[in-house]
Amino acid sequence: MNDTIMAEEMQSPKKVAFANRKYTNEEKRKMEEEELEQMLKEQRGETEEKTAEPEEAEPTNAEEKTFKKRYGDLRRHMQEKEQEFQTQIDELKKQLEGATRKEIKLPKSDEDLDAWAKKLS
């Protein structure tokens, strides 16, 4: 008999998704404070010289491993292409220098033009 449903009753429950953030606000603040302390020490001259750069952590899943391999391959390919193009540019520069050294003299008068045309043919 009373089949009316209120709008409030029809609302679906809210769905909550948790995002895994890399750093929380507290962690960010802590990292920034450590960085600030380190910078202040460097300014005062109390530095600890670090010769070794921090190494990247090894990839944990398959997707990261394949990405790292593909990125390395692409970078190597681009370096090879860059070297190849640089050698081509150097060769062309040498050719241009050689041509300018020979100093091709173009004919200026009609007689020189006729002699030059006979020489080419």
PDB file of N, CA and C in Angstrom:
ATOM      1  N   MET A   1       0.791  -1.172   0.000  1.00  0.00           N
ATOM      2  CA  MET A   1       0.000   0.000   0.000  1.00  0.00           C
ATOM      3  C   MET A   1       0.857   1.269   0.000  1.00  0.00           C
ATOM      4  N   ASN A   2       1.839   1.293   0.847  1.00  0.00           N
ATOM      5  CA  ASN A   2       2.726   2.444   0.876  1.00  0.00           C
ATOM      6  C   ASN A   2       4.023   2.048   0.179  1.00  0.00           C
ATOM      7  N   ASP A   3       4.021   2.125  -1.166  1.00  0.00           N
ATOM      8  CA  ASP A   3       5.169   1.715  -1.962  1.00  0.00           C
ATOM      9  C   ASP A   3       6.069   2.891  -2.332  1.00  0.00           C
ATOM     10  N   THR A   4       5.907   4.005  -1.752  1.00  0.00           N
ATOM     11  CA  THR A   4       6.753   5.149  -2.080  1.00  0.00           C
ATOM     12  C   THR A   4       8.095   5.003  -1.375  1.00  0.00           C
ATOM     13  N   ILE A   5       9.126   5.312  -2.125  1.00  0.00           N
ATOM     14  CA  ILE A   5      10.481   5.215  -1.589  1.00  0.00           C
ATOM     15  C   ILE A   5      11.044   6.617  -1.525  1.00  0.00           C
ATOM     16  N   MET A   6      11.589   6.942  -0.442  1.00  0.00           N
ATOM     17  CA  MET A   6      12.151   8.272  -0.253  1.00  0.00           C
ATOM     18  C   MET A   6      13.475   8.379  -1.021  1.00  0.00           C
ATOM     19  N   ALA A   7      13.818   9.573  -1.446  1.00  0.00           N
ATOM     20  CA  ALA A   7      15.035   9.808  -2.210  1.00  0.00           C
ATOM     21  C   ALA A   7      16.266   9.473  -1.386  1.00  0.00           C
ATOM     22  N   GLU A   8      16.220   9.717  -0.098  1.00  0.00           N
ATOM     23  CA  GLU A   8      17.354   9.420   0.760  1.00  0.00           C
ATOM     24  C   GLU A   8      17.608   7.920   0.837  1.00  0.00           C
ATOM     25  N   GLU A   9      16.551   7.148   0.778  1.00  0.00           N
ATOM     26  CA  GLU A   9      16.690   5.698   0.859  1.00  0.00           C
ATOM     27  C   GLU A   9      17.280   5.126  -0.422  1.00  0.00           C
ATOM     28  N   MET A  10      17.126   5.819  -1.545  1.00  0.00           N
ATOM     29  CA  MET A  10      17.577   5.319  -2.844  1.00  0.00           C
ATOM     30  C   MET A  10      19.058   5.575  -3.101  1.00  0.00           C
ATOM     31  N   GLN A  11      19.706   6.401  -2.334  1.00  0.00           N
ATOM     32  CA  GLN A  11      21.105   6.710  -2.590  1.00  0.00           C
ATOM     33  C   GLN A  11      21.962   5.475  -2.371  1.00  0.00           C
ATOM     34  N   SER A  12      22.879   5.276  -3.296  1.00  0.00           N
ATOM     35  CA  SER A  12      23.775   4.132  -3.161  1.00  0.00           C
ATOM     36  C   SER A  12      24.875   4.487  -2.170  1.00  0.00           C
ATOM     37  N   PRO A  13      25.441   3.491  -1.525  1.00  0.00           N
ATOM     38  CA  PRO A  13      26.509   3.787  -0.561  1.00  0.00           C
ATOM     39  C   PRO A  13      27.723   4.369  -1.286  1.00  0.00           C
ATOM     40  N   LYS A  14      28.416   5.270  -0.613  1.00  0.00           N
ATOM     41  CA  LYS A  14      29.590   5.899  -1.208  1.00  0.00           C
ATOM     42  C   LYS A  14      30.708   4.883  -1.336  1.00  0.00           C
ATOM     43  N   LYS A  15      31.389   4.950  -2.452  1.00  0.00           N
ATOM     44  CA  LYS A  15      32.515   4.050  -2.694  1.00  0.00           C
ATOM     45  C   LYS A  15      33.797   4.814  -2.399  1.00  0.00           C
ATOM     46  N   VAL A  16      34.687   4.195  -1.692  1.00  0.00           N
ATOM     47  CA  VAL A  16      35.930   4.845  -1.310  1.00  0.00           C
ATOM     48  C   VAL A  16      37.080   4.066  -1.919  1.00  0.00           C
ATOM     49  N   ALA A  17      37.962   4.778  -2.586  1.00  0.00           N
ATOM     50  CA  ALA A  17      39.145   4.143  -3.165  1.00  0.00           C
ATOM     51  C   ALA A  17      40.368   4.735  -2.482  1.00  0.00           C
ATOM     52  N   PHE A  18      41.258   3.883  -2.078  1.00  0.00           N
ATOM     53  CA  PHE A  18      42.464   4.347  -1.422  1.00  0.00           C
ATOM     54  C   PHE A  18      43.581   4.430  -2.440  1.00  0.00           C
ATOM     55  N   ALA A  19      44.179   5.583  -2.532  1.00  0.00           N
ATOM     56  CA  ALA A  19      45.301   5.774  -3.450  1.00  0.00           C
ATOM     57  C   ALA A  19      46.584   5.631  -2.653  1.00  0.00           C
ATOM     58  N   ASN A  20      47.482   4.887  -3.185  1.00  0.00           N
ATOM     59  CA  ASN A  20      48.764   4.694  -2.522  1.00  0.00           C
ATOM     60  C   ASN A  20      49.675   5.834  -2.940  1.00  0.00           C
ATOM     61  N   ARG A  21      49.768   6.849  -2.126  1.00  0.00           N
ATOM     62  CA  ARG A  21      50.619   7.982  -2.440  1.00  0.00           C
ATOM     63  C   ARG A  21      52.054   7.640  -2.105  1.00  0.00           C
ATOM     64  N   LYS A  22      52.942   8.218  -2.874  1.00  0.00           N
ATOM     65  CA  LYS A  22      54.352   7.929  -2.667  1.00  0.00           C
ATOM     66  C   LYS A  22      54.822   8.497  -1.335  1.00  0.00           C
ATOM     67  N   TYR A  23      54.411   9.700  -1.022  1.00  0.00           N
ATOM     68  CA  TYR A  23      54.823  10.338   0.223  1.00  0.00           C
ATOM     69  C   TYR A  23      53.604  11.005   0.863  1.00  0.00           C
ATOM     70  N   THR A  24      53.488  10.888   2.144  1.00  0.00           N
ATOM     71  CA  THR A  24      52.449  11.609   2.852  1.00  0.00           C
ATOM     72  C   THR A  24      52.996  12.982   3.220  1.00  0.00           C
ATOM     73  N   ASN A  25      52.139  13.819   3.733  1.00  0.00           N
ATOM     74  CA  ASN A  25      52.583  15.163   4.110  1.00  0.00           C
ATOM     75  C   ASN A  25      53.672  15.099   5.168  1.00  0.00           C
ATOM     76  N   GLU A  26      53.524  14.196   6.127  1.00  0.00           N
ATOM     77  CA  GLU A  26      54.532  14.077   7.181  1.00  0.00           C
ATOM     78  C   GLU A  26      55.876  13.644   6.613  1.00  0.00           C
ATOM     79  N   GLU A  27      55.838  12.679   5.708  1.00  0.00           N
ATOM     80  CA  GLU A  27      57.085  12.211   5.101  1.00  0.00           C
ATOM     81  C   GLU A  27      57.728  13.309   4.274  1.00  0.00           C
ATOM     82  N   LYS A  28      56.923  14.068   3.534  1.00  0.00           N
ATOM     83  CA  LYS A  28      57.464  15.180   2.742  1.00  0.00           C
ATOM     84  C   LYS A  28      58.120  16.201   3.650  1.00  0.00           C
ATOM     85  N   ARG A  29      57.421  16.557   4.732  1.00  0.00           N
ATOM     86  CA  ARG A  29      57.953  17.545   5.662  1.00  0.00           C
ATOM     87  C   ARG A  29      59.262  17.056   6.272  1.00  0.00           C
ATOM     88  N   LYS A  30      59.312  15.788   6.629  1.00  0.00           N
ATOM     89  CA  LYS A  30      60.527  15.211   7.215  1.00  0.00           C
ATOM     90  C   LYS A  30      61.683  15.259   6.208  1.00  0.00           C
ATOM     91  N   MET A  31      61.404  14.896   4.954  1.00  0.00           N
ATOM     92  CA  MET A  31      62.442  14.919   3.921  1.00  0.00           C
ATOM     93  C   MET A  31      62.931  16.343   3.679  1.00  0.00           C
ATOM     94  N   GLU A  32      62.001  17.304   3.656  1.00  0.00           N
ATOM     95  CA  GLU A  32      62.389  18.696   3.426  1.00  0.00           C
ATOM     96  C   GLU A  32      63.220  19.231   4.580  1.00  0.00           C
ATOM     97  N   GLU A  33      62.872  18.849   5.815  1.00  0.00           N
ATOM     98  CA  GLU A  33      63.658  19.285   6.963  1.00  0.00           C
ATOM     99  C   GLU A  33      65.070  18.710   6.918  1.00  0.00           C
ATOM    100  N   GLU A  34      65.187  17.431   6.531  1.00  0.00           N
ATOM    101  CA  GLU A  34      66.511  16.817   6.411  1.00  0.00           C
ATOM    102  C   GLU A  34      67.326  17.515   5.324  1.00  0.00           C
ATOM    103  N   GLU A  35      66.674  17.828   4.219  1.00  0.00           N
ATOM    104  CA  GLU A  35      67.365  18.514   3.132  1.00  0.00           C
ATOM    105  C   GLU A  35      67.811  19.907   3.571  1.00  0.00           C
ATOM    106  N   LEU A  36      66.958  20.599   4.333  1.00  0.00           N
ATOM    107  CA  LEU A  36      67.300  21.924   4.832  1.00  0.00           C
ATOM    108  C   LEU A  36      68.496  21.855   5.781  1.00  0.00           C
ATOM    109  N   GLU A  37      68.495  20.867   6.671  1.00  0.00           N
ATOM    110  CA  GLU A  37      69.622  20.693   7.591  1.00  0.00           C
ATOM    111  C   GLU A  37      70.913  20.432   6.816  1.00  0.00           C
ATOM    112  N   GLN A  38      70.828  19.598   5.793  1.00  0.00           N
ATOM    113  CA  GLN A  38      72.004  19.285   4.984  1.00  0.00           C
ATOM    114  C   GLN A  38      72.513  20.542   4.270  1.00  0.00           C
ATOM    115  N   MET A  39      71.602  21.337   3.745  1.00  0.00           N
ATOM    116  CA  MET A  39      72.004  22.564   3.048  1.00  0.00           C
ATOM    117  C   MET A  39      72.649  23.555   4.018  1.00  0.00           C
ATOM    118  N   LEU A  40      72.111  23.642   5.236  1.00  0.00           N
ATOM    119  CA  LEU A  40      72.708  24.526   6.228  1.00  0.00           C
ATOM    120  C   LEU A  40      74.113  24.060   6.600  1.00  0.00           C
ATOM    121  N   LYS A  41      74.288  22.753   6.728  1.00  0.00           N
ATOM    122  CA  LYS A  41      75.619  22.210   7.032  1.00  0.00           C
ATOM    123  C   LYS A  41      76.591  22.525   5.903  1.00  0.00           C
ATOM    124  N   GLU A  42      76.133  22.383   4.669  1.00  0.00           N
ATOM    125  CA  GLU A  42      76.991  22.682   3.517  1.00  0.00           C
ATOM    126  C   GLU A  42      77.377  24.151   3.510  1.00  0.00           C
ATOM    127  N   GLN A  43      76.446  25.002   3.889  1.00  0.00           N
ATOM    128  CA  GLN A  43      76.718  26.437   3.902  1.00  0.00           C
ATOM    129  C   GLN A  43      77.750  26.775   4.966  1.00  0.00           C
ATOM    130  N   ARG A  44      77.699  26.078   6.108  1.00  0.00           N
ATOM    131  CA  ARG A  44      78.659  26.321   7.177  1.00  0.00           C
ATOM    132  C   ARG A  44      80.001  25.664   6.904  1.00  0.00           C
ATOM    133  N   GLY A  45      80.042  24.736   5.963  1.00  0.00           N
ATOM    134  CA  GLY A  45      81.287  24.065   5.635  1.00  0.00           C
ATOM    135  C   GLY A  45      81.451  22.752   6.368  1.00  0.00           C
ATOM    136  N   GLU A  46      80.376  22.229   6.897  1.00  0.00           N
ATOM    137  CA  GLU A  46      80.422  20.960   7.621  1.00  0.00           C
ATOM    138  C   GLU A  46      79.951  19.821   6.726  1.00  0.00           C
ATOM    139  N   THR A  47      80.376  19.816   5.499  1.00  0.00           N
ATOM    140  CA  THR A  47      79.847  18.826   4.569  1.00  0.00           C
ATOM    141  C   THR A  47      80.602  17.517   4.653  1.00  0.00           C
ATOM    142  N   GLU A  48      79.860  16.496   4.416  1.00  0.00           N
ATOM    143  CA  GLU A  48      80.452  15.171   4.252  1.00  0.00           C
ATOM    144  C   GLU A  48      80.435  14.921   2.753  1.00  0.00           C
ATOM    145  N   GLU A  49      81.591  14.827   2.171  1.00  0.00           N
ATOM    146  CA  GLU A  49      81.641  14.663   0.727  1.00  0.00           C
ATOM    147  C   GLU A  49      81.242  13.244   0.363  1.00  0.00           C
ATOM    148  N   LYS A  50      80.240  13.190  -0.480  1.00  0.00           N
ATOM    149  CA  LYS A  50      79.761  11.893  -0.945  1.00  0.00           C
ATOM    150  C   LYS A  50      80.301  11.695  -2.348  1.00  0.00           C
ATOM    151  N   THR A  51      81.135  10.707  -2.535  1.00  0.00           N
ATOM    152  CA  THR A  51      81.711  10.471  -3.852  1.00  0.00           C
ATOM    153  C   THR A  51      80.816   9.565  -4.693  1.00  0.00           C
ATOM    154  N   ALA A  52      80.127   8.666  -4.044  1.00  0.00           N
ATOM    155  CA  ALA A  52      79.271   7.744  -4.784  1.00  0.00           C
ATOM    156  C   ALA A  52      77.865   8.323  -4.898  1.00  0.00           C
ATOM    157  N   GLU A  53      77.324   8.259  -6.102  1.00  0.00           N
ATOM    158  CA  GLU A  53      75.960   8.717  -6.318  1.00  0.00           C
ATOM    159  C   GLU A  53      75.001   7.639  -5.841  1.00  0.00           C
ATOM    160  N   PRO A  54      73.842   8.024  -5.357  1.00  0.00           N
ATOM    161  CA  PRO A  54      72.888   7.002  -4.928  1.00  0.00           C
ATOM    162  C   PRO A  54      72.423   6.188  -6.132  1.00  0.00           C
ATOM    163  N   GLU A  55      72.445   4.904  -5.974  1.00  0.00           N
ATOM    164  CA  GLU A  55      72.069   4.018  -7.073  1.00  0.00           C
ATOM    165  C   GLU A  55      70.569   3.794  -7.047  1.00  0.00           C
ATOM    166  N   GLU A  56      70.017   3.595  -8.231  1.00  0.00           N
ATOM    167  CA  GLU A  56      68.591   3.339  -8.324  1.00  0.00           C
ATOM    168  C   GLU A  56      68.304   1.932  -7.847  1.00  0.00           C
ATOM    169  N   ALA A  57      67.162   1.767  -7.241  1.00  0.00           N
ATOM    170  CA  ALA A  57      66.759   0.445  -6.786  1.00  0.00           C
ATOM    171  C   ALA A  57      66.414  -0.400  -8.011  1.00  0.00           C
ATOM    172  N   GLU A  58      66.702  -1.670  -7.921  1.00  0.00           N
ATOM    173  CA  GLU A  58      66.377  -2.566  -9.024  1.00  0.00           C
ATOM    174  C   GLU A  58      64.870  -2.640  -9.186  1.00  0.00           C
ATOM    175  N   PRO A  59      64.392  -2.693 -10.433  1.00  0.00           N
ATOM    176  CA  PRO A  59      62.952  -2.788 -10.661  1.00  0.00           C
ATOM    177  C   PRO A  59      62.398  -4.073 -10.054  1.00  0.00           C
ATOM    178  N   THR A  60      61.216  -3.965  -9.503  1.00  0.00           N
ATOM    179  CA  THR A  60      60.644  -5.112  -8.809  1.00  0.00           C
ATOM    180  C   THR A  60      59.716  -5.931  -9.684  1.00  0.00           C
ATOM    181  N   ASN A  61      58.938  -5.299 -10.544  1.00  0.00           N
ATOM    182  CA  ASN A  61      58.005  -6.088 -11.349  1.00  0.00           C
ATOM    183  C   ASN A  61      58.457  -6.149 -12.811  1.00  0.00           C
ATOM    184  N   ALA A  62      57.791  -6.992 -13.553  1.00  0.00           N
ATOM    185  CA  ALA A  62      58.188  -7.236 -14.949  1.00  0.00           C
ATOM    186  C   ALA A  62      58.017  -5.996 -15.812  1.00  0.00           C
ATOM    187  N   GLU A  63      56.983  -5.215 -15.554  1.00  0.00           N
ATOM    188  CA  GLU A  63      56.746  -4.027 -16.369  1.00  0.00           C
ATOM    189  C   GLU A  63      57.883  -3.017 -16.220  1.00  0.00           C
ATOM    190  N   GLU A  64      58.359  -2.828 -15.001  1.00  0.00           N
ATOM    191  CA  GLU A  64      59.465  -1.899 -14.780  1.00  0.00           C
ATOM    192  C   GLU A  64      60.747  -2.404 -15.432  1.00  0.00           C
ATOM    193  N   LYS A  65      60.967  -3.711 -15.388  1.00  0.00           N
ATOM    194  CA  LYS A  65      62.173  -4.277 -16.007  1.00  0.00           C
ATOM    195  C   LYS A  65      62.153  -4.078 -17.512  1.00  0.00           C
ATOM    196  N   THR A  66      61.016  -4.345 -18.144  1.00  0.00           N
ATOM    197  CA  THR A  66      60.950  -4.186 -19.597  1.00  0.00           C
ATOM    198  C   THR A  66      61.057  -2.721 -19.980  1.00  0.00           C
ATOM    199  N   PHE A  67      60.454  -1.837 -19.168  1.00  0.00           N
ATOM    200  CA  PHE A  67      60.564  -0.406 -19.464  1.00  0.00           C
ATOM    201  C   PHE A  67      62.008   0.030 -19.383  1.00  0.00           C
ATOM    202  N   LYS A  68      62.726  -0.416 -18.362  1.00  0.00           N
ATOM    203  CA  LYS A  68      64.121  -0.028 -18.207  1.00  0.00           C
ATOM    204  C   LYS A  68      64.949  -0.530 -19.387  1.00  0.00           C
ATOM    205  N   LYS A  69      64.685  -1.747 -19.843  1.00  0.00           N
ATOM    206  CA  LYS A  69      65.416  -2.304 -20.981  1.00  0.00           C
ATOM    207  C   LYS A  69      65.098  -1.515 -22.252  1.00  0.00           C
ATOM    208  N   ARG A  70      63.818  -1.246 -22.488  1.00  0.00           N
ATOM    209  CA  ARG A  70      63.436  -0.497 -23.695  1.00  0.00           C
ATOM    210  C   ARG A  70      64.035   0.899 -23.681  1.00  0.00           C
ATOM    211  N   TYR A  71      64.001   1.550 -22.531  1.00  0.00           N
ATOM    212  CA  TYR A  71      64.559   2.895 -22.422  1.00  0.00           C
ATOM    213  C   TYR A  71      66.062   2.869 -22.692  1.00  0.00           C
ATOM    214  N   GLY A  72      66.752   1.876 -22.148  1.00  0.00           N
ATOM    215  CA  GLY A  72      68.188   1.745 -22.392  1.00  0.00           C
ATOM    216  C   GLY A  72      68.488   1.504 -23.863  1.00  0.00           C
ATOM    217  N   ASP A  73      67.677   0.641 -24.494  1.00  0.00           N
ATOM    218  CA  ASP A  73      67.865   0.363 -25.916  1.00  0.00           C
ATOM    219  C   ASP A  73      67.642   1.615 -26.758  1.00  0.00           C
ATOM    220  N   LEU A  74      66.589   2.353 -26.446  1.00  0.00           N
ATOM    221  CA  LEU A  74      66.306   3.579 -27.204  1.00  0.00           C
ATOM    222  C   LEU A  74      67.409   4.609 -27.022  1.00  0.00           C
ATOM    223  N   ARG A  75      67.905   4.729 -25.813  1.00  0.00           N
ATOM    224  CA  ARG A  75      68.969   5.692 -25.556  1.00  0.00           C
ATOM    225  C   ARG A  75      70.240   5.316 -26.315  1.00  0.00           C
ATOM    226  N   ARG A  76      70.572   4.033 -26.316  1.00  0.00           N
ATOM    227  CA  ARG A  76      71.752   3.558 -27.049  1.00  0.00           C
ATOM    228  C   ARG A  76      71.579   3.813 -28.548  1.00  0.00           C
ATOM    229  N   HIS A  77      70.380   3.538 -29.069  1.00  0.00           N
ATOM    230  CA  HIS A  77      70.106   3.754 -30.493  1.00  0.00           C
ATOM    231  C   HIS A  77      70.248   5.233 -30.851  1.00  0.00           C
ATOM    232  N   MET A  78      69.733   6.116 -29.997  1.00  0.00           N
ATOM    233  CA  MET A  78      69.830   7.546 -30.263  1.00  0.00           C
ATOM    234  C   MET A  78      71.286   8.012 -30.233  1.00  0.00           C
ATOM    235  N   GLN A  79      72.095   7.454 -29.349  1.00  0.00           N
ATOM    236  CA  GLN A  79      73.513   7.826 -29.305  1.00  0.00           C
ATOM    237  C   GLN A  79      74.222   7.370 -30.572  1.00  0.00           C
ATOM    238  N   GLU A  80      73.888   6.171 -31.053  1.00  0.00           N
ATOM    239  CA  GLU A  80      74.499   5.686 -32.295  1.00  0.00           C
ATOM    240  C   GLU A  80      74.104   6.579 -33.469  1.00  0.00           C
ATOM    241  N   LYS A  81      72.828   6.946 -33.540  1.00  0.00           N
ATOM    242  CA  LYS A  81      72.361   7.810 -34.627  1.00  0.00           C
ATOM    243  C   LYS A  81      73.033   9.187 -34.541  1.00  0.00           C
ATOM    244  N   GLU A  82      73.187   9.692 -33.329  1.00  0.00           N
ATOM    245  CA  GLU A  82      73.831  10.993 -33.156  1.00  0.00           C
ATOM    246  C   GLU A  82      75.269  10.951 -33.660  1.00  0.00           C
ATOM    247  N   GLN A  83      75.986   9.872 -33.350  1.00  0.00           N
ATOM    248  CA  GLN A  83      77.361   9.735 -33.838  1.00  0.00           C
ATOM    249  C   GLN A  83      77.383   9.627 -35.355  1.00  0.00           C
ATOM    250  N   GLU A  84      76.443   8.872 -35.915  1.00  0.00           N
ATOM    251  CA  GLU A  84      76.380   8.697 -37.360  1.00  0.00           C
ATOM    252  C   GLU A  84      76.132  10.049 -38.050  1.00  0.00           C
ATOM    253  N   PHE A  85      75.187  10.806 -37.536  1.00  0.00           N
ATOM    254  CA  PHE A  85      74.895  12.105 -38.127  1.00  0.00           C
ATOM    255  C   PHE A  85      76.063  13.070 -37.957  1.00  0.00           C
ATOM    256  N   GLN A  86      76.740  12.992 -36.850  1.00  0.00           N
ATOM    257  CA  GLN A  86      77.880  13.878 -36.626  1.00  0.00           C
ATOM    258  C   GLN A  86      78.999  13.568 -37.617  1.00  0.00           C
ATOM    259  N   THR A  87      79.231  12.287 -37.905  1.00  0.00           N
ATOM    260  CA  THR A  87      80.260  11.939 -38.898  1.00  0.00           C
ATOM    261  C   THR A  87      79.853  12.435 -40.284  1.00  0.00           C
ATOM    262  N   GLN A  88      78.559  12.328 -40.612  1.00  0.00           N
ATOM    263  CA  GLN A  88      78.091  12.834 -41.896  1.00  0.00           C
ATOM    264  C   GLN A  88      78.294  14.351 -41.985  1.00  0.00           C
ATOM    265  N   ILE A  89      77.989  15.040 -40.928  1.00  0.00           N
ATOM    266  CA  ILE A  89      78.167  16.492 -40.916  1.00  0.00           C
ATOM    267  C   ILE A  89      79.639  16.843 -41.086  1.00  0.00           C
ATOM    268  N   ASP A  90      80.510  16.115 -40.389  1.00  0.00           N
ATOM    269  CA  ASP A  90      81.943  16.379 -40.505  1.00  0.00           C
ATOM    270  C   ASP A  90      82.439  16.145 -41.934  1.00  0.00           C
ATOM    271  N   GLU A  91      81.957  15.060 -42.569  1.00  0.00           N
ATOM    272  CA  GLU A  91      82.351  14.765 -43.952  1.00  0.00           C
ATOM    273  C   GLU A  91      81.890  15.886 -44.891  1.00  0.00           C
ATOM    274  N   LEU A  92      80.649  16.341 -44.709  1.00  0.00           N
ATOM    275  CA  LEU A  92      80.139  17.406 -45.561  1.00  0.00           C
ATOM    276  C   LEU A  92      80.910  18.706 -45.353  1.00  0.00           C
ATOM    277  N   LYS A  93      81.302  18.971 -44.129  1.00  0.00           N
ATOM    278  CA  LYS A  93      82.106  20.170 -43.866  1.00  0.00           C
ATOM    279  C   LYS A  93      83.449  20.072 -44.573  1.00  0.00           C
ATOM    280  N   LYS A  94      84.055  18.885 -44.555  1.00  0.00           N
ATOM    281  CA  LYS A  94      85.341  18.689 -45.246  1.00  0.00           C
ATOM    282  C   LYS A  94      85.173  18.890 -46.743  1.00  0.00           C
ATOM    283  N   GLN A  95      84.078  18.364 -47.312  1.00  0.00           N
ATOM    284  CA  GLN A  95      83.818  18.543 -48.734  1.00  0.00           C
ATOM    285  C   GLN A  95      83.648  20.022 -49.067  1.00  0.00           C
ATOM    286  N   LEU A  96      82.931  20.730 -48.228  1.00  0.00           N
ATOM    287  CA  LEU A  96      82.705  22.150 -48.456  1.00  0.00           C
ATOM    288  C   LEU A  96      84.015  22.921 -48.374  1.00  0.00           C
ATOM    289  N   GLU A  97      84.845  22.596 -47.406  1.00  0.00           N
ATOM    290  CA  GLU A  97      86.146  23.257 -47.288  1.00  0.00           C
ATOM    291  C   GLU A  97      87.009  22.961 -48.507  1.00  0.00           C
ATOM    292  N   GLY A  98      86.980  21.710 -48.983  1.00  0.00           N
ATOM    293  CA  GLY A  98      87.754  21.344 -50.169  1.00  0.00           C
ATOM    294  C   GLY A  98      87.285  22.095 -51.397  1.00  0.00           C
ATOM    295  N   ALA A  99      85.973  22.263 -51.523  1.00  0.00           N
ATOM    296  CA  ALA A  99      85.430  22.980 -52.684  1.00  0.00           C
ATOM    297  C   ALA A  99      85.780  24.461 -52.618  1.00  0.00           C
ATOM    298  N   THR A 100      85.770  25.018 -51.445  1.00  0.00           N
ATOM    299  CA  THR A 100      86.100  26.445 -51.337  1.00  0.00           C
ATOM    300  C   THR A 100      87.592  26.669 -51.538  1.00  0.00           C
ATOM    301  N   ARG A 101      88.410  25.692 -51.223  1.00  0.00           N
ATOM    302  CA  ARG A 101      89.860  25.841 -51.428  1.00  0.00           C
ATOM    303  C   ARG A 101      90.208  25.827 -52.911  1.00  0.00           C
ATOM    304  N   LYS A 102      89.485  24.997 -53.646  1.00  0.00           N
ATOM    305  CA  LYS A 102      89.759  24.932 -55.084  1.00  0.00           C
ATOM    306  C   LYS A 102      89.348  26.236 -55.763  1.00  0.00           C
ATOM    307  N   GLU A 103      88.422  26.927 -55.137  1.00  0.00           N
ATOM    308  CA  GLU A 103      87.945  28.220 -55.641  1.00  0.00           C
ATOM    309  C   GLU A 103      87.593  28.150 -57.125  1.00  0.00           C
ATOM    310  N   ILE A 104      86.443  27.640 -57.372  1.00  0.00           N
ATOM    311  CA  ILE A 104      85.973  27.546 -58.742  1.00  0.00           C
ATOM    312  C   ILE A 104      85.809  28.966 -59.279  1.00  0.00           C
ATOM    313  N   LYS A 105      86.518  29.240 -60.365  1.00  0.00           N
ATOM    314  CA  LYS A 105      86.464  30.572 -60.956  1.00  0.00           C
ATOM    315  C   LYS A 105      85.478  30.545 -62.116  1.00  0.00           C
ATOM    316  N   LEU A 106      84.438  31.326 -61.991  1.00  0.00           N
ATOM    317  CA  LEU A 106      83.428  31.392 -63.037  1.00  0.00           C
ATOM    318  C   LEU A 106      83.859  32.414 -64.090  1.00  0.00           C
ATOM    319  N   PRO A 107      83.512  32.136 -65.344  1.00  0.00           N
ATOM    320  CA  PRO A 107      83.889  33.067 -66.417  1.00  0.00           C
ATOM    321  C   PRO A 107      83.148  34.388 -66.289  1.00  0.00           C
ATOM    322  N   LYS A 108      83.854  35.467 -66.642  1.00  0.00           N
ATOM    323  CA  LYS A 108      83.261  36.799 -66.507  1.00  0.00           C
ATOM    324  C   LYS A 108      82.955  37.436 -67.861  1.00  0.00           C
ATOM    325  N   SER A 109      83.713  37.078 -68.863  1.00  0.00           N
ATOM    326  CA  SER A 109      83.470  37.673 -70.182  1.00  0.00           C
ATOM    327  C   SER A 109      82.900  36.616 -71.117  1.00  0.00           C
ATOM    328  N   ASP A 110      82.441  37.061 -72.289  1.00  0.00           N
ATOM    329  CA  ASP A 110      81.860  36.132 -73.260  1.00  0.00           C
ATOM    330  C   ASP A 110      82.903  35.142 -73.761  1.00  0.00           C
ATOM    331  N   GLU A 111      84.128  35.588 -73.964  1.00  0.00           N
ATOM    332  CA  GLU A 111      85.192  34.697 -74.442  1.00  0.00           C
ATOM    333  C   GLU A 111      85.499  33.622 -73.400  1.00  0.00           C
ATOM    334  N   ASP A 112      85.564  34.046 -72.144  1.00  0.00           N
ATOM    335  CA  ASP A 112      85.819  33.077 -71.080  1.00  0.00           C
ATOM    336  C   ASP A 112      84.675  32.081 -70.965  1.00  0.00           C
ATOM    337  N   LEU A 113      83.453  32.557 -71.185  1.00  0.00           N
ATOM    338  CA  LEU A 113      82.279  31.698 -71.113  1.00  0.00           C
ATOM    339  C   LEU A 113      82.319  30.649 -72.215  1.00  0.00           C
ATOM    340  N   ASP A 114      82.683  31.022 -73.431  1.00  0.00           N
ATOM    341  CA  ASP A 114      82.785  30.075 -74.538  1.00  0.00           C
ATOM    342  C   ASP A 114      83.878  29.045 -74.269  1.00  0.00           C
ATOM    343  N   ALA A 115      85.017  29.498 -73.745  1.00  0.00           N
ATOM    344  CA  ALA A 115      86.119  28.580 -73.449  1.00  0.00           C
ATOM    345  C   ALA A 115      85.716  27.614 -72.343  1.00  0.00           C
ATOM    346  N   TRP A 116      84.990  28.125 -71.378  1.00  0.00           N
ATOM    347  CA  TRP A 116      84.565  27.278 -70.255  1.00  0.00           C
ATOM    348  C   TRP A 116      83.548  26.242 -70.725  1.00  0.00           C
ATOM    349  N   ALA A 117      82.629  26.624 -71.629  1.00  0.00           N
ATOM    350  CA  ALA A 117      81.623  25.704 -72.150  1.00  0.00           C
ATOM    351  C   ALA A 117      82.300  24.619 -72.978  1.00  0.00           C
ATOM    352  N   LYS A 118      83.318  24.967 -73.767  1.00  0.00           N
ATOM    353  CA  LYS A 118      84.038  23.957 -74.567  1.00  0.00           C
ATOM    354  C   LYS A 118      84.786  22.997 -73.646  1.00  0.00           C
ATOM    355  N   LYS A 119      85.300  23.532 -72.572  1.00  0.00           N
ATOM    356  CA  LYS A 119      86.083  22.722 -71.615  1.00  0.00           C
ATOM    357  C   LYS A 119      85.179  21.686 -70.939  1.00  0.00           C
ATOM    358  N   LEU A 120      83.963  22.054 -70.611  1.00  0.00           N
ATOM    359  CA  LEU A 120      83.025  21.139 -69.949  1.00  0.00           C
ATOM    360  C   LEU A 120      82.496  20.071 -70.894  1.00  0.00           C
ATOM    361  N   SER A 121      82.337  20.389 -72.174  1.00  0.00           N
ATOM    362  CA  SER A 121      81.783  19.411 -73.110  1.00  0.00           C
ATOM    363  C   SER A 121      82.821  18.646 -73.843  1.00  0.00           C
TER     364      SER A 121
END
